[in-house]
Amino acid sequence: MFLYQILNLFYVALQKEDDSKHDLSLYKRGDLLEVPRTLFTHFGIYLGDNRVAHLIPDILPVITKNKSAIAKMVTNNRLLLGVITKVASVRVDSVEDFAYGSEILINHMDKVCSQPPLDGDEVARRAEKLLGSVTYSLLWYNCEHYVMYCRYGMAISYQTYKVESLASCQ
C-alpha cells in the first residue's frame, strides 16, 4: 500500500508538470508579460521562479484581512467590484494563474515604446517594491501603467490612448 501511495504521488507530480502550457524557460526576470482578455490586454512582470507581479482590481482586501482567501485567484466578480470601487493590489501569482488560460506575449511593448527597457533586475525590483494595495483607475492607473513604469520608467497606457481616441471620434 505504501509503495502505491508513493507511485501515485509521483504520477500526480508528473501530471501537474504536464498540465502547464507555459514554458518557464522562455521567461527572464524583468520580462513584461501580456495576456489577452475579453476587452483589454492584461500585463505583468516576470519575477523569476514561476512568479508574476501584476496589478489587478480586487474588492476582497477591502472586505477581509484573510490572507489565504485574498491569495486565491481573483474571480470575475471580485475583479469587477474592484474596478467599480477603484480598489486594486499589486500581487504575485504563478504564471498559470496570471495567464488564466491564455497565451503569453513576452516583451511585445519593446517594439512600441520609444524608451529602451531598464535592466531586468531593476524592472523586477521596481515591481516588487510596489507590491500591495493601490488606488485603481481603468484610464489613469491600471496594469499597463504599472508594468510600463517598472520596465521603462514611465507610467503610460497605450490601451488608454486607444480608448480616449475612440471616444473623441464619437
N, C-alpha and C. Protein backbone atom coordinates (compact mmCIF):
# COMPACT_ATOMS: atom_id res chain seq x y z
N MET A 1 0.82 -1.20 0.00
CA MET A 1 0.00 0.00 0.00
C MET A 1 0.87 1.26 0.00
N PHE A 2 1.92 1.27 0.80
CA PHE A 2 2.81 2.43 0.88
C PHE A 2 3.47 2.71 -0.47
N LEU A 3 3.91 1.66 -1.15
CA LEU A 3 4.53 1.81 -2.47
C LEU A 3 3.53 2.40 -3.46
N TYR A 4 2.28 1.96 -3.40
CA TYR A 4 1.23 2.50 -4.27
C TYR A 4 1.05 4.00 -4.04
N GLN A 5 1.06 4.45 -2.77
CA GLN A 5 0.90 5.87 -2.44
C GLN A 5 2.06 6.70 -2.98
N ILE A 6 3.28 6.18 -2.87
CA ILE A 6 4.45 6.89 -3.39
C ILE A 6 4.36 7.01 -4.91
N LEU A 7 4.02 5.92 -5.58
CA LEU A 7 3.89 5.96 -7.05
C LEU A 7 2.78 6.90 -7.48
N ASN A 8 1.68 6.91 -6.75
CA ASN A 8 0.57 7.81 -7.05
C ASN A 8 0.99 9.26 -6.88
N LEU A 9 1.73 9.56 -5.82
CA LEU A 9 2.24 10.91 -5.59
C LEU A 9 3.15 11.33 -6.74
N PHE A 10 4.03 10.43 -7.18
CA PHE A 10 4.94 10.69 -8.29
C PHE A 10 4.14 10.97 -9.57
N TYR A 11 3.11 10.16 -9.82
CA TYR A 11 2.27 10.33 -11.00
C TYR A 11 1.55 11.68 -10.98
N VAL A 12 1.01 12.07 -9.84
CA VAL A 12 0.31 13.35 -9.70
C VAL A 12 1.28 14.51 -9.95
N ALA A 13 2.50 14.41 -9.42
CA ALA A 13 3.50 15.46 -9.63
C ALA A 13 3.84 15.58 -11.11
N LEU A 14 4.01 14.46 -11.79
CA LEU A 14 4.29 14.50 -13.24
C LEU A 14 3.11 15.08 -14.01
N GLN A 15 1.91 14.69 -13.60
CA GLN A 15 0.69 15.19 -14.25
C GLN A 15 0.62 16.71 -14.14
N LYS A 16 0.92 17.28 -12.98
CA LYS A 16 0.89 18.73 -12.77
C LYS A 16 1.87 19.41 -13.72
N GLU A 17 3.09 18.86 -13.86
CA GLU A 17 4.08 19.47 -14.73
C GLU A 17 3.60 19.44 -16.18
N ASP A 18 2.97 18.33 -16.59
CA ASP A 18 2.49 18.21 -17.97
C ASP A 18 1.34 19.16 -18.25
N ASP A 19 0.53 19.48 -17.22
CA ASP A 19 -0.62 20.34 -17.40
C ASP A 19 -0.22 21.78 -17.72
N SER A 20 0.98 22.19 -17.33
CA SER A 20 1.42 23.56 -17.56
C SER A 20 1.66 23.78 -19.04
N LYS A 21 0.98 24.77 -19.60
CA LYS A 21 1.15 25.03 -21.03
C LYS A 21 2.14 26.14 -21.29
N HIS A 22 2.80 26.63 -20.25
CA HIS A 22 3.76 27.71 -20.39
C HIS A 22 5.16 27.21 -20.06
N ASP A 23 6.08 27.42 -20.97
CA ASP A 23 7.47 27.01 -20.80
C ASP A 23 8.20 28.10 -20.03
N LEU A 24 8.46 27.86 -18.75
CA LEU A 24 9.08 28.87 -17.89
C LEU A 24 10.49 29.24 -18.34
N SER A 25 11.13 28.39 -19.12
CA SER A 25 12.48 28.70 -19.59
C SER A 25 12.49 29.87 -20.59
N LEU A 26 11.32 30.22 -21.10
CA LEU A 26 11.22 31.34 -22.05
C LEU A 26 11.28 32.70 -21.35
N TYR A 27 11.02 32.73 -20.04
CA TYR A 27 10.90 33.99 -19.32
C TYR A 27 12.17 34.30 -18.55
N LYS A 28 12.54 35.58 -18.58
CA LYS A 28 13.67 36.06 -17.79
C LYS A 28 13.15 37.07 -16.78
N ARG A 29 13.86 37.19 -15.66
CA ARG A 29 13.50 38.16 -14.62
C ARG A 29 13.41 39.55 -15.25
N GLY A 30 12.28 40.22 -15.04
CA GLY A 30 12.07 41.56 -15.58
C GLY A 30 11.32 41.59 -16.90
N ASP A 31 11.00 40.43 -17.47
CA ASP A 31 10.23 40.40 -18.72
C ASP A 31 8.83 40.96 -18.48
N LEU A 32 8.33 41.68 -19.47
CA LEU A 32 6.97 42.20 -19.45
C LEU A 32 6.10 41.16 -20.15
N LEU A 33 5.11 40.65 -19.45
CA LEU A 33 4.22 39.62 -19.98
C LEU A 33 2.85 40.21 -20.26
N GLU A 34 2.25 39.79 -21.37
CA GLU A 34 0.90 40.26 -21.73
C GLU A 34 0.02 39.06 -22.06
N VAL A 35 -1.23 39.14 -21.63
CA VAL A 35 -2.23 38.13 -21.99
C VAL A 35 -3.51 38.82 -22.43
N PRO A 36 -4.11 38.35 -23.52
CA PRO A 36 -5.36 38.96 -23.97
C PRO A 36 -6.51 38.60 -23.03
N ARG A 37 -7.36 39.57 -22.80
CA ARG A 37 -8.60 39.36 -22.05
C ARG A 37 -9.76 39.71 -23.00
N THR A 38 -10.96 39.69 -22.49
CA THR A 38 -12.13 39.93 -23.33
C THR A 38 -12.07 41.29 -24.03
N LEU A 39 -11.89 42.36 -23.26
CA LEU A 39 -11.89 43.70 -23.85
C LEU A 39 -10.51 44.33 -23.89
N PHE A 40 -9.63 43.94 -22.98
CA PHE A 40 -8.32 44.56 -22.85
C PHE A 40 -7.24 43.50 -22.79
N THR A 41 -6.01 43.95 -22.73
CA THR A 41 -4.86 43.08 -22.51
C THR A 41 -4.44 43.26 -21.06
N HIS A 42 -4.07 42.15 -20.40
CA HIS A 42 -3.60 42.21 -19.01
C HIS A 42 -2.08 42.07 -19.01
N PHE A 43 -1.40 42.82 -18.13
CA PHE A 43 0.06 42.89 -18.12
C PHE A 43 0.62 42.49 -16.76
N GLY A 44 1.84 41.95 -16.78
CA GLY A 44 2.55 41.62 -15.55
C GLY A 44 4.05 41.63 -15.78
N ILE A 45 4.80 41.54 -14.72
CA ILE A 45 6.26 41.50 -14.77
C ILE A 45 6.71 40.15 -14.20
N TYR A 46 7.53 39.44 -14.98
CA TYR A 46 8.03 38.15 -14.51
C TYR A 46 9.15 38.38 -13.50
N LEU A 47 9.00 37.77 -12.32
CA LEU A 47 9.97 37.95 -11.23
C LEU A 47 10.96 36.79 -11.14
N GLY A 48 10.71 35.72 -11.86
CA GLY A 48 11.52 34.52 -11.75
C GLY A 48 10.80 33.49 -10.91
N ASP A 49 11.25 32.25 -10.96
CA ASP A 49 10.70 31.16 -10.15
C ASP A 49 9.18 31.02 -10.29
N ASN A 50 8.67 31.14 -11.51
CA ASN A 50 7.23 30.97 -11.78
C ASN A 50 6.36 32.00 -11.07
N ARG A 51 6.88 33.23 -10.88
CA ARG A 51 6.14 34.28 -10.19
C ARG A 51 5.98 35.50 -11.10
N VAL A 52 4.76 36.02 -11.14
CA VAL A 52 4.44 37.21 -11.93
C VAL A 52 3.80 38.24 -11.02
N ALA A 53 4.35 39.46 -11.02
CA ALA A 53 3.75 40.57 -10.29
C ALA A 53 2.82 41.30 -11.27
N HIS A 54 1.61 41.55 -10.83
CA HIS A 54 0.66 42.27 -11.69
C HIS A 54 -0.33 43.04 -10.84
N LEU A 55 -0.80 44.15 -11.41
CA LEU A 55 -1.79 44.99 -10.73
C LEU A 55 -3.15 44.51 -11.19
N ILE A 56 -4.00 44.20 -10.23
CA ILE A 56 -5.32 43.68 -10.58
C ILE A 56 -6.37 44.24 -9.63
N PRO A 57 -7.48 44.74 -10.19
CA PRO A 57 -8.57 45.22 -9.33
C PRO A 57 -9.10 44.06 -8.49
N ASP A 58 -9.41 44.32 -7.23
CA ASP A 58 -9.91 43.27 -6.36
C ASP A 58 -10.57 43.89 -5.13
N ILE A 59 -11.83 43.58 -4.93
CA ILE A 59 -12.59 44.12 -3.80
C ILE A 59 -12.29 43.36 -2.50
N LEU A 60 -11.85 42.11 -2.57
CA LEU A 60 -11.73 41.28 -1.39
C LEU A 60 -10.85 41.85 -0.28
N PRO A 61 -9.69 42.46 -0.57
CA PRO A 61 -8.89 43.01 0.53
C PRO A 61 -9.60 44.10 1.34
N VAL A 62 -10.62 44.73 0.77
CA VAL A 62 -11.39 45.74 1.50
C VAL A 62 -12.36 45.06 2.47
N ILE A 63 -12.83 43.88 2.10
CA ILE A 63 -13.84 43.17 2.87
C ILE A 63 -13.25 42.32 3.99
N THR A 64 -12.07 41.73 3.74
CA THR A 64 -11.49 40.80 4.71
C THR A 64 -9.97 40.97 4.80
N LYS A 65 -9.42 40.55 5.91
CA LYS A 65 -7.97 40.51 6.10
C LYS A 65 -7.45 39.08 5.97
N ASN A 66 -8.32 38.13 5.61
CA ASN A 66 -7.97 36.73 5.47
C ASN A 66 -7.01 36.55 4.29
N LYS A 67 -5.73 36.42 4.59
CA LYS A 67 -4.69 36.36 3.56
C LYS A 67 -4.84 35.16 2.63
N SER A 68 -5.29 34.02 3.17
CA SER A 68 -5.44 32.84 2.31
C SER A 68 -6.59 33.03 1.31
N ALA A 69 -7.66 33.68 1.72
CA ALA A 69 -8.77 33.95 0.79
C ALA A 69 -8.34 34.96 -0.27
N ILE A 70 -7.63 35.99 0.15
CA ILE A 70 -7.16 37.02 -0.78
C ILE A 70 -6.17 36.44 -1.78
N ALA A 71 -5.35 35.49 -1.33
CA ALA A 71 -4.31 34.91 -2.19
C ALA A 71 -4.87 34.04 -3.31
N LYS A 72 -6.12 33.58 -3.16
CA LYS A 72 -6.72 32.75 -4.21
C LYS A 72 -6.91 33.58 -5.48
N MET A 73 -6.99 32.88 -6.60
CA MET A 73 -7.14 33.55 -7.89
C MET A 73 -8.34 34.50 -7.86
N VAL A 74 -8.15 35.68 -8.42
CA VAL A 74 -9.20 36.71 -8.43
C VAL A 74 -10.28 36.30 -9.42
N THR A 75 -11.51 36.21 -8.93
CA THR A 75 -12.64 35.85 -9.79
C THR A 75 -13.14 37.09 -10.54
N ASN A 76 -13.97 36.87 -11.53
CA ASN A 76 -14.52 38.00 -12.30
C ASN A 76 -15.34 38.93 -11.42
N ASN A 77 -16.11 38.38 -10.47
CA ASN A 77 -16.90 39.24 -9.58
C ASN A 77 -16.01 40.12 -8.72
N ARG A 78 -14.95 39.53 -8.17
CA ARG A 78 -14.00 40.30 -7.36
C ARG A 78 -13.37 41.39 -8.21
N LEU A 79 -13.01 41.05 -9.44
CA LEU A 79 -12.36 42.00 -10.34
C LEU A 79 -13.30 43.16 -10.68
N LEU A 80 -14.52 42.85 -11.08
CA LEU A 80 -15.47 43.90 -11.46
C LEU A 80 -15.79 44.84 -10.30
N LEU A 81 -15.97 44.27 -9.11
CA LEU A 81 -16.24 45.12 -7.95
C LEU A 81 -15.02 45.97 -7.61
N GLY A 82 -13.83 45.45 -7.84
CA GLY A 82 -12.61 46.23 -7.65
C GLY A 82 -12.54 47.40 -8.61
N VAL A 83 -12.90 47.18 -9.88
CA VAL A 83 -12.92 48.26 -10.88
C VAL A 83 -13.91 49.34 -10.46
N ILE A 84 -15.10 48.93 -10.07
CA ILE A 84 -16.15 49.87 -9.70
C ILE A 84 -15.74 50.70 -8.47
N THR A 85 -15.14 50.04 -7.50
CA THR A 85 -14.76 50.74 -6.26
C THR A 85 -13.36 51.34 -6.32
N LYS A 86 -12.67 51.13 -7.44
CA LYS A 86 -11.32 51.66 -7.67
C LYS A 86 -10.30 51.14 -6.67
N VAL A 87 -10.44 49.86 -6.32
CA VAL A 87 -9.53 49.21 -5.37
C VAL A 87 -8.78 48.10 -6.11
N ALA A 88 -7.47 48.09 -5.94
CA ALA A 88 -6.65 47.07 -6.59
C ALA A 88 -5.45 46.76 -5.73
N SER A 89 -4.71 45.77 -6.14
CA SER A 89 -3.44 45.48 -5.49
C SER A 89 -2.45 44.96 -6.51
N VAL A 90 -1.19 45.21 -6.22
CA VAL A 90 -0.13 44.59 -6.98
C VAL A 90 0.18 43.32 -6.23
N ARG A 91 0.00 42.19 -6.87
CA ARG A 91 0.15 40.90 -6.22
C ARG A 91 1.04 40.00 -7.05
N VAL A 92 1.45 38.90 -6.46
CA VAL A 92 2.29 37.92 -7.15
C VAL A 92 1.50 36.64 -7.28
N ASP A 93 1.42 36.13 -8.51
CA ASP A 93 0.76 34.86 -8.79
C ASP A 93 1.67 34.00 -9.65
N SER A 94 1.32 32.74 -9.79
CA SER A 94 2.05 31.84 -10.68
C SER A 94 1.79 32.28 -12.12
N VAL A 95 2.63 31.83 -13.03
CA VAL A 95 2.44 32.14 -14.45
C VAL A 95 1.08 31.63 -14.91
N GLU A 96 0.71 30.42 -14.49
CA GLU A 96 -0.57 29.83 -14.90
C GLU A 96 -1.75 30.67 -14.42
N ASP A 97 -1.72 31.11 -13.16
CA ASP A 97 -2.82 31.92 -12.63
C ASP A 97 -2.87 33.28 -13.32
N PHE A 98 -1.70 33.86 -13.57
CA PHE A 98 -1.64 35.14 -14.28
C PHE A 98 -2.22 35.00 -15.69
N ALA A 99 -1.83 33.96 -16.40
CA ALA A 99 -2.26 33.78 -17.80
C ALA A 99 -3.75 33.46 -17.89
N TYR A 100 -4.29 32.78 -16.89
CA TYR A 100 -5.72 32.45 -16.84
C TYR A 100 -6.17 31.76 -18.13
N GLY A 101 -5.33 30.82 -18.61
CA GLY A 101 -5.68 30.03 -19.79
C GLY A 101 -5.28 30.64 -21.12
N SER A 102 -4.70 31.81 -21.12
CA SER A 102 -4.33 32.49 -22.37
C SER A 102 -2.87 32.27 -22.73
N GLU A 103 -2.55 32.49 -23.98
CA GLU A 103 -1.16 32.50 -24.42
C GLU A 103 -0.51 33.78 -23.90
N ILE A 104 0.80 33.76 -23.72
CA ILE A 104 1.51 34.91 -23.19
C ILE A 104 2.45 35.49 -24.24
N LEU A 105 2.38 36.81 -24.42
CA LEU A 105 3.36 37.53 -25.24
C LEU A 105 4.45 38.04 -24.31
N ILE A 106 5.69 37.99 -24.78
CA ILE A 106 6.83 38.40 -23.96
C ILE A 106 7.47 39.65 -24.57
N ASN A 107 7.58 40.71 -23.76
CA ASN A 107 8.26 41.95 -24.14
C ASN A 107 7.78 42.55 -25.46
N HIS A 108 6.52 42.35 -25.77
CA HIS A 108 5.94 42.89 -27.00
C HIS A 108 5.98 44.42 -27.01
N MET A 109 5.90 45.04 -25.84
CA MET A 109 5.89 46.50 -25.76
C MET A 109 7.24 47.12 -26.13
N ASP A 110 8.31 46.32 -26.15
CA ASP A 110 9.63 46.84 -26.55
C ASP A 110 9.57 47.40 -27.97
N LYS A 111 8.69 46.85 -28.80
CA LYS A 111 8.55 47.31 -30.19
C LYS A 111 7.76 48.62 -30.28
N VAL A 112 6.94 48.88 -29.30
CA VAL A 112 6.03 50.02 -29.31
C VAL A 112 6.59 51.23 -28.56
N CYS A 113 7.27 50.96 -27.45
CA CYS A 113 7.73 52.04 -26.57
C CYS A 113 9.00 52.69 -27.12
N SER A 114 9.06 54.01 -27.03
CA SER A 114 10.23 54.75 -27.52
C SER A 114 11.41 54.67 -26.54
N GLN A 115 11.13 54.35 -25.27
CA GLN A 115 12.18 54.21 -24.26
C GLN A 115 12.78 52.81 -24.31
N PRO A 116 14.08 52.67 -24.14
CA PRO A 116 14.64 51.31 -24.02
C PRO A 116 14.28 50.74 -22.66
N PRO A 117 14.16 49.42 -22.57
CA PRO A 117 13.83 48.82 -21.28
C PRO A 117 14.99 48.94 -20.29
N LEU A 118 14.65 49.01 -19.02
CA LEU A 118 15.65 49.00 -17.96
C LEU A 118 16.21 47.58 -17.83
N ASP A 119 17.26 47.44 -17.06
CA ASP A 119 17.85 46.14 -16.77
C ASP A 119 16.79 45.25 -16.09
N GLY A 120 16.77 43.96 -16.43
CA GLY A 120 15.76 43.04 -15.91
C GLY A 120 15.67 42.99 -14.40
N ASP A 121 16.82 43.01 -13.71
CA ASP A 121 16.79 43.01 -12.24
C ASP A 121 16.18 44.30 -11.70
N GLU A 122 16.47 45.42 -12.32
CA GLU A 122 15.88 46.70 -11.90
C GLU A 122 14.37 46.69 -12.12
N VAL A 123 13.93 46.14 -13.25
CA VAL A 123 12.50 46.04 -13.54
C VAL A 123 11.81 45.21 -12.46
N ALA A 124 12.37 44.06 -12.13
CA ALA A 124 11.78 43.19 -11.12
C ALA A 124 11.80 43.86 -9.74
N ARG A 125 12.88 44.57 -9.41
CA ARG A 125 12.95 45.27 -8.12
C ARG A 125 11.84 46.32 -8.03
N ARG A 126 11.64 47.07 -9.11
CA ARG A 126 10.56 48.07 -9.11
C ARG A 126 9.21 47.39 -8.91
N ALA A 127 9.00 46.28 -9.60
CA ALA A 127 7.73 45.56 -9.50
C ALA A 127 7.50 45.07 -8.07
N GLU A 128 8.53 44.53 -7.45
CA GLU A 128 8.41 44.02 -6.08
C GLU A 128 8.22 45.14 -5.07
N LYS A 129 8.85 46.27 -5.32
CA LYS A 129 8.75 47.41 -4.39
C LYS A 129 7.31 47.93 -4.31
N LEU A 130 6.54 47.77 -5.38
CA LEU A 130 5.18 48.31 -5.44
C LEU A 130 4.10 47.31 -5.02
N LEU A 131 4.49 46.15 -4.48
CA LEU A 131 3.51 45.15 -4.06
C LEU A 131 2.60 45.74 -2.97
N GLY A 132 1.32 45.39 -3.05
CA GLY A 132 0.36 45.83 -2.04
C GLY A 132 -0.79 46.60 -2.66
N SER A 133 -1.60 47.21 -1.81
CA SER A 133 -2.81 47.90 -2.24
C SER A 133 -2.50 49.20 -2.96
N VAL A 134 -3.29 49.49 -3.99
CA VAL A 134 -3.16 50.73 -4.74
C VAL A 134 -4.56 51.22 -5.14
N THR A 135 -4.65 52.51 -5.42
CA THR A 135 -5.89 53.06 -5.98
C THR A 135 -5.89 52.72 -7.46
N TYR A 136 -7.02 52.24 -7.94
CA TYR A 136 -7.11 51.77 -9.32
C TYR A 136 -7.94 52.73 -10.16
N SER A 137 -7.53 52.90 -11.39
CA SER A 137 -8.33 53.64 -12.36
C SER A 137 -8.16 52.97 -13.71
N LEU A 138 -9.25 52.62 -14.32
CA LEU A 138 -9.21 51.97 -15.62
C LEU A 138 -8.46 52.82 -16.64
N LEU A 139 -8.62 54.15 -16.56
CA LEU A 139 -7.97 55.04 -17.52
C LEU A 139 -6.65 55.63 -17.04
N TRP A 140 -6.49 55.85 -15.73
CA TRP A 140 -5.33 56.61 -15.26
C TRP A 140 -4.28 55.80 -14.53
N TYR A 141 -4.65 54.65 -13.96
CA TYR A 141 -3.63 53.78 -13.35
C TYR A 141 -4.14 52.34 -13.33
N ASN A 142 -3.74 51.60 -14.36
CA ASN A 142 -4.14 50.20 -14.50
C ASN A 142 -2.89 49.32 -14.62
N CYS A 143 -3.07 48.07 -14.96
CA CYS A 143 -1.95 47.13 -15.01
C CYS A 143 -0.91 47.53 -16.05
N GLU A 144 -1.32 48.17 -17.12
CA GLU A 144 -0.37 48.61 -18.15
C GLU A 144 0.49 49.77 -17.63
N HIS A 145 -0.12 50.73 -16.95
CA HIS A 145 0.65 51.81 -16.34
C HIS A 145 1.73 51.24 -15.41
N TYR A 146 1.32 50.27 -14.60
CA TYR A 146 2.23 49.65 -13.63
C TYR A 146 3.45 49.01 -14.33
N VAL A 147 3.21 48.16 -15.33
CA VAL A 147 4.34 47.47 -15.96
C VAL A 147 5.20 48.42 -16.78
N MET A 148 4.57 49.43 -17.38
CA MET A 148 5.34 50.39 -18.17
C MET A 148 6.27 51.19 -17.27
N TYR A 149 5.80 51.55 -16.08
CA TYR A 149 6.67 52.24 -15.13
C TYR A 149 7.83 51.32 -14.73
N CYS A 150 7.50 50.08 -14.41
CA CYS A 150 8.54 49.14 -13.97
C CYS A 150 9.59 48.89 -15.06
N ARG A 151 9.17 48.71 -16.28
CA ARG A 151 10.11 48.31 -17.35
C ARG A 151 10.76 49.50 -18.05
N TYR A 152 10.04 50.61 -18.20
CA TYR A 152 10.56 51.73 -18.99
C TYR A 152 10.71 53.03 -18.21
N GLY A 153 10.21 53.06 -16.98
CA GLY A 153 10.35 54.26 -16.16
C GLY A 153 9.30 55.31 -16.42
N MET A 154 8.25 54.98 -17.17
CA MET A 154 7.16 55.93 -17.41
C MET A 154 5.83 55.19 -17.36
N ALA A 155 4.91 55.73 -16.57
CA ALA A 155 3.61 55.08 -16.36
C ALA A 155 2.62 55.55 -17.42
N ILE A 156 2.59 54.82 -18.52
CA ILE A 156 1.66 55.14 -19.61
C ILE A 156 0.87 53.90 -19.99
N SER A 157 -0.23 54.12 -20.70
CA SER A 157 -1.05 53.01 -21.17
C SER A 157 -1.49 53.28 -22.61
N TYR A 158 -0.98 52.48 -23.51
CA TYR A 158 -1.38 52.62 -24.91
C TYR A 158 -2.84 52.24 -25.10
N GLN A 159 -3.34 51.30 -24.30
CA GLN A 159 -4.76 50.94 -24.37
C GLN A 159 -5.64 52.14 -24.03
N THR A 160 -5.22 52.89 -23.01
CA THR A 160 -5.98 54.08 -22.61
C THR A 160 -6.01 55.09 -23.75
N TYR A 161 -4.88 55.29 -24.40
CA TYR A 161 -4.84 56.22 -25.54
C TYR A 161 -5.80 55.79 -26.63
N LYS A 162 -5.87 54.48 -26.89
CA LYS A 162 -6.79 53.97 -27.92
C LYS A 162 -8.24 54.24 -27.54
N VAL A 163 -8.58 53.99 -26.26
CA VAL A 163 -9.95 54.22 -25.79
C VAL A 163 -10.29 55.71 -25.86
N GLU A 164 -9.35 56.56 -25.41
CA GLU A 164 -9.59 58.01 -25.45
C GLU A 164 -9.76 58.51 -26.87
N SER A 165 -8.96 57.99 -27.82
CA SER A 165 -9.07 58.45 -29.20
C SER A 165 -10.37 57.98 -29.83
N LEU A 166 -10.82 56.77 -29.48
CA LEU A 166 -12.10 56.29 -29.97
C LEU A 166 -13.25 57.15 -29.43
N ALA A 167 -13.17 57.51 -28.15
CA ALA A 167 -14.22 58.31 -27.52
C ALA A 167 -14.26 59.70 -28.13
N SER A 168 -13.12 60.26 -28.48
CA SER A 168 -13.11 61.61 -29.06
C SER A 168 -13.62 61.61 -30.50
N CYS A 169 -13.66 60.47 -31.15
CA CYS A 169 -14.17 60.39 -32.53
C CYS A 169 -15.69 60.33 -32.57
N GLN A 170 -16.31 60.10 -31.45
CA GLN A 170 -17.78 59.95 -31.42
C GLN A 170 -18.50 61.25 -31.64
